[in-house]
């Protein structure tokens, strides 16, 4: 599995993985740091993140569990270099929650509702 920066040509796969409309997926590619995991000829996962003061926010994490784990390492490495925490909000019941816990994130409670869907907040403190 290879991990690389997402490019414009990845917008369709990003849309498919995240459930975003195509235009929103293209906007995500321009507004955030976005990485994709490629397995063979297929896009197996995507992570999007941005840095704010003291915290790296993972704004999208989707795909196969192994790909999500590999991709989650990208914002974690960036945060570690900068001495920052990493936060992730996951809709209830999504596999990304299990991946976050397996990668050392703590469940820190309820997150905001998105379109009526409950979420959980996960946080990884800097070492």
C-alpha atoms as a PDB file:
ATOM      1  CA  UNK A   1       0.000   0.000   0.000  1.00  0.00           C
ATOM      2  CA  UNK A   2       1.374   3.387  -1.022  1.00  0.00           C
ATOM      3  CA  UNK A   3       0.435   6.681   0.656  1.00  0.00           C
ATOM      4  CA  UNK A   4       0.790   9.901  -1.304  1.00  0.00           C
ATOM      5  CA  UNK A   5      -0.533  13.441  -1.536  1.00  0.00           C
ATOM      6  CA  UNK A   6      -3.925  13.578  -3.192  1.00  0.00           C
ATOM      7  CA  UNK A   7      -4.138  15.309  -6.564  1.00  0.00           C
ATOM      8  CA  UNK A   8      -7.044  16.668  -8.582  1.00  0.00           C
ATOM      9  CA  UNK A   9      -7.451  13.330 -10.384  1.00  0.00           C
ATOM     10  CA  UNK A  10      -8.244  11.710  -6.996  1.00  0.00           C
ATOM     11  CA  UNK A  11     -11.392  13.810  -6.485  1.00  0.00           C
ATOM     12  CA  UNK A  12     -13.762  11.093  -7.738  1.00  0.00           C
ATOM     13  CA  UNK A  13     -12.276   8.425  -5.465  1.00  0.00           C
ATOM     14  CA  UNK A  14     -12.259  10.852  -2.527  1.00  0.00           C
ATOM     15  CA  UNK A  15     -15.927  11.604  -3.181  1.00  0.00           C
ATOM     16  CA  UNK A  16     -16.749   7.887  -3.304  1.00  0.00           C
ATOM     17  CA  UNK A  17     -14.878   7.112  -0.070  1.00  0.00           C
ATOM     18  CA  UNK A  18     -16.182  10.065   1.941  1.00  0.00           C
ATOM     19  CA  UNK A  19     -19.703  10.328   0.553  1.00  0.00           C
ATOM     20  CA  UNK A  20     -19.069  13.945  -0.412  1.00  0.00           C
ATOM     21  CA  UNK A  21     -20.447  15.412  -3.631  1.00  0.00           C
ATOM     22  CA  UNK A  22     -17.756  15.675  -6.323  1.00  0.00           C
ATOM     23  CA  UNK A  23     -17.503  19.459  -6.053  1.00  0.00           C
ATOM     24  CA  UNK A  24     -17.027  19.235  -2.274  1.00  0.00           C
ATOM     25  CA  UNK A  25     -14.342  16.566  -2.704  1.00  0.00           C
ATOM     26  CA  UNK A  26     -12.454  18.822  -5.132  1.00  0.00           C
ATOM     27  CA  UNK A  27     -12.735  21.704  -2.665  1.00  0.00           C
ATOM     28  CA  UNK A  28     -11.410  19.459   0.111  1.00  0.00           C
ATOM     29  CA  UNK A  29      -8.325  18.731  -2.019  1.00  0.00           C
ATOM     30  CA  UNK A  30      -7.631  22.454  -2.271  1.00  0.00           C
ATOM     31  CA  UNK A  31      -8.466  23.482   1.303  1.00  0.00           C
ATOM     32  CA  UNK A  32      -6.807  20.761   3.395  1.00  0.00           C
ATOM     33  CA  UNK A  33      -3.764  18.522   3.474  1.00  0.00           C
ATOM     34  CA  UNK A  34      -5.114  15.349   1.876  1.00  0.00           C
ATOM     35  CA  UNK A  35      -3.404  11.984   1.524  1.00  0.00           C
ATOM     36  CA  UNK A  36      -4.664   8.854  -0.209  1.00  0.00           C
ATOM     37  CA  UNK A  37      -3.708   5.221   0.250  1.00  0.00           C
ATOM     38  CA  UNK A  38      -3.381   3.269  -2.990  1.00  0.00           C
ATOM     39  CA  UNK A  39      -3.661  -0.521  -3.021  1.00  0.00           C
ATOM     40  CA  UNK A  40      -2.884  -1.913  -6.457  1.00  0.00           C
ATOM     41  CA  UNK A  41      -4.946   0.226  -8.828  1.00  0.00           C
ATOM     42  CA  UNK A  42      -7.577   1.268  -6.249  1.00  0.00           C
ATOM     43  CA  UNK A  43      -7.813   4.090  -3.757  1.00  0.00           C
ATOM     44  CA  UNK A  44      -8.208   2.289  -0.420  1.00  0.00           C
ATOM     45  CA  UNK A  45      -8.486   5.294   1.884  1.00  0.00           C
ATOM     46  CA  UNK A  46      -8.277   9.030   2.410  1.00  0.00           C
ATOM     47  CA  UNK A  47      -7.362  11.382   5.229  1.00  0.00           C
ATOM     48  CA  UNK A  48      -7.765  15.164   5.265  1.00  0.00           C
ATOM     49  CA  UNK A  49      -6.379  17.373   8.003  1.00  0.00           C
ATOM     50  CA  UNK A  50      -5.437  20.908   8.887  1.00  0.00           C
ATOM     51  CA  UNK A  51      -3.430  22.550  11.639  1.00  0.00           C
ATOM     52  CA  UNK A  52      -4.785  25.128  14.023  1.00  0.00           C
ATOM     53  CA  UNK A  53      -3.010  26.568  17.053  1.00  0.00           C
ATOM     54  CA  UNK A  54      -1.823  23.612  19.162  1.00  0.00           C
ATOM     55  CA  UNK A  55      -4.086  21.016  17.457  1.00  0.00           C
ATOM     56  CA  UNK A  56      -4.113  19.120  14.165  1.00  0.00           C
ATOM     57  CA  UNK A  57      -7.733  18.468  13.174  1.00  0.00           C
ATOM     58  CA  UNK A  58      -8.467  15.382  11.092  1.00  0.00           C
ATOM     59  CA  UNK A  59     -11.486  16.491   9.089  1.00  0.00           C
ATOM     60  CA  UNK A  60     -12.018  13.315   7.027  1.00  0.00           C
ATOM     61  CA  UNK A  61     -10.908   9.723   7.482  1.00  0.00           C
ATOM     62  CA  UNK A  62     -12.448   7.016   5.320  1.00  0.00           C
ATOM     63  CA  UNK A  63     -11.650   3.745   3.609  1.00  0.00           C
ATOM     64  CA  UNK A  64     -10.493   0.265   4.498  1.00  0.00           C
ATOM     65  CA  UNK A  65      -9.400  -0.114   8.164  1.00  0.00           C
ATOM     66  CA  UNK A  66      -5.758  -0.901   7.257  1.00  0.00           C
ATOM     67  CA  UNK A  67      -5.632   2.093   4.936  1.00  0.00           C
ATOM     68  CA  UNK A  68      -7.174   4.379   7.568  1.00  0.00           C
ATOM     69  CA  UNK A  69      -4.554   3.274  10.103  1.00  0.00           C
ATOM     70  CA  UNK A  70      -1.724   4.017   7.650  1.00  0.00           C
ATOM     71  CA  UNK A  71      -3.277   7.348   6.731  1.00  0.00           C
ATOM     72  CA  UNK A  72      -3.902   8.437  10.312  1.00  0.00           C
ATOM     73  CA  UNK A  73      -0.146   8.213  10.843  1.00  0.00           C
ATOM     74  CA  UNK A  74       0.289  11.191   8.473  1.00  0.00           C
ATOM     75  CA  UNK A  75      -1.325  13.888  10.670  1.00  0.00           C
ATOM     76  CA  UNK A  76       0.114  12.198  13.777  1.00  0.00           C
ATOM     77  CA  UNK A  77       3.684  12.518  12.429  1.00  0.00           C
ATOM     78  CA  UNK A  78       3.085  16.160  11.553  1.00  0.00           C
ATOM     79  CA  UNK A  79       1.655  16.842  15.040  1.00  0.00           C
ATOM     80  CA  UNK A  80       4.542  15.076  16.776  1.00  0.00           C
ATOM     81  CA  UNK A  81       7.104  17.199  14.910  1.00  0.00           C
ATOM     82  CA  UNK A  82       5.273  20.352  15.967  1.00  0.00           C
ATOM     83  CA  UNK A  83       4.454  19.258  19.549  1.00  0.00           C
ATOM     84  CA  UNK A  84       0.719  19.379  18.846  1.00  0.00           C
ATOM     85  CA  UNK A  85      -2.259  17.202  19.774  1.00  0.00           C
ATOM     86  CA  UNK A  86      -4.416  15.508  17.126  1.00  0.00           C
ATOM     87  CA  UNK A  87      -8.215  15.522  17.229  1.00  0.00           C
ATOM     88  CA  UNK A  88     -10.705  13.532  15.194  1.00  0.00           C
ATOM     89  CA  UNK A  89     -14.515  13.599  15.227  1.00  0.00           C
ATOM     90  CA  UNK A  90     -16.202  10.397  14.011  1.00  0.00           C
ATOM     91  CA  UNK A  91     -19.911   9.750  13.413  1.00  0.00           C
ATOM     92  CA  UNK A  92     -21.219   7.041  15.755  1.00  0.00           C
ATOM     93  CA  UNK A  93     -20.792   3.534  14.407  1.00  0.00           C
ATOM     94  CA  UNK A  94     -18.119   4.289  11.804  1.00  0.00           C
ATOM     95  CA  UNK A  95     -15.038   2.063  11.569  1.00  0.00           C
ATOM     96  CA  UNK A  96     -12.780   5.117  11.918  1.00  0.00           C
ATOM     97  CA  UNK A  97     -13.561   5.103  15.661  1.00  0.00           C
ATOM     98  CA  UNK A  98     -12.071   1.628  16.087  1.00  0.00           C
ATOM     99  CA  UNK A  99      -9.053   2.637  14.015  1.00  0.00           C
ATOM    100  CA  UNK A 100      -8.486   5.750  16.138  1.00  0.00           C
ATOM    101  CA  UNK A 101      -8.610   3.736  19.365  1.00  0.00           C
ATOM    102  CA  UNK A 102      -6.234   1.114  17.949  1.00  0.00           C
ATOM    103  CA  UNK A 103      -3.810   3.905  16.981  1.00  0.00           C
ATOM    104  CA  UNK A 104      -3.670   5.276  20.535  1.00  0.00           C
ATOM    105  CA  UNK A 105      -6.344   7.964  20.436  1.00  0.00           C
ATOM    106  CA  UNK A 106      -8.540   8.453  23.502  1.00  0.00           C
ATOM    107  CA  UNK A 107     -12.311   8.718  23.300  1.00  0.00           C
ATOM    108  CA  UNK A 108     -12.858  12.097  24.975  1.00  0.00           C
ATOM    109  CA  UNK A 109     -16.641  12.203  24.750  1.00  0.00           C
ATOM    110  CA  UNK A 110     -19.478  13.309  22.578  1.00  0.00           C
ATOM    111  CA  UNK A 111     -18.713  15.510  19.623  1.00  0.00           C
ATOM    112  CA  UNK A 112     -20.950  17.887  17.705  1.00  0.00           C
ATOM    113  CA  UNK A 113     -23.931  16.617  15.753  1.00  0.00           C
ATOM    114  CA  UNK A 114     -23.544  16.674  11.988  1.00  0.00           C
ATOM    115  CA  UNK A 115     -26.851  16.749  10.141  1.00  0.00           C
ATOM    116  CA  UNK A 116     -28.494  15.125  13.164  1.00  0.00           C
ATOM    117  CA  UNK A 117     -25.882  12.381  13.474  1.00  0.00           C
ATOM    118  CA  UNK A 118     -24.155  11.907  16.822  1.00  0.00           C
ATOM    119  CA  UNK A 119     -20.368  11.913  16.855  1.00  0.00           C
ATOM    120  CA  UNK A 120     -17.511  11.007  19.201  1.00  0.00           C
ATOM    121  CA  UNK A 121     -14.351  13.037  19.726  1.00  0.00           C
ATOM    122  CA  UNK A 122     -10.970  11.321  19.803  1.00  0.00           C
ATOM    123  CA  UNK A 123      -7.710  12.967  20.875  1.00  0.00           C
ATOM    124  CA  UNK A 124      -4.062  12.009  20.851  1.00  0.00           C
ATOM    125  CA  UNK A 125      -1.828  14.128  23.074  1.00  0.00           C
ATOM    126  CA  UNK A 126       1.726  14.947  22.025  1.00  0.00           C
ATOM    127  CA  UNK A 127       4.429  12.664  23.456  1.00  0.00           C
END
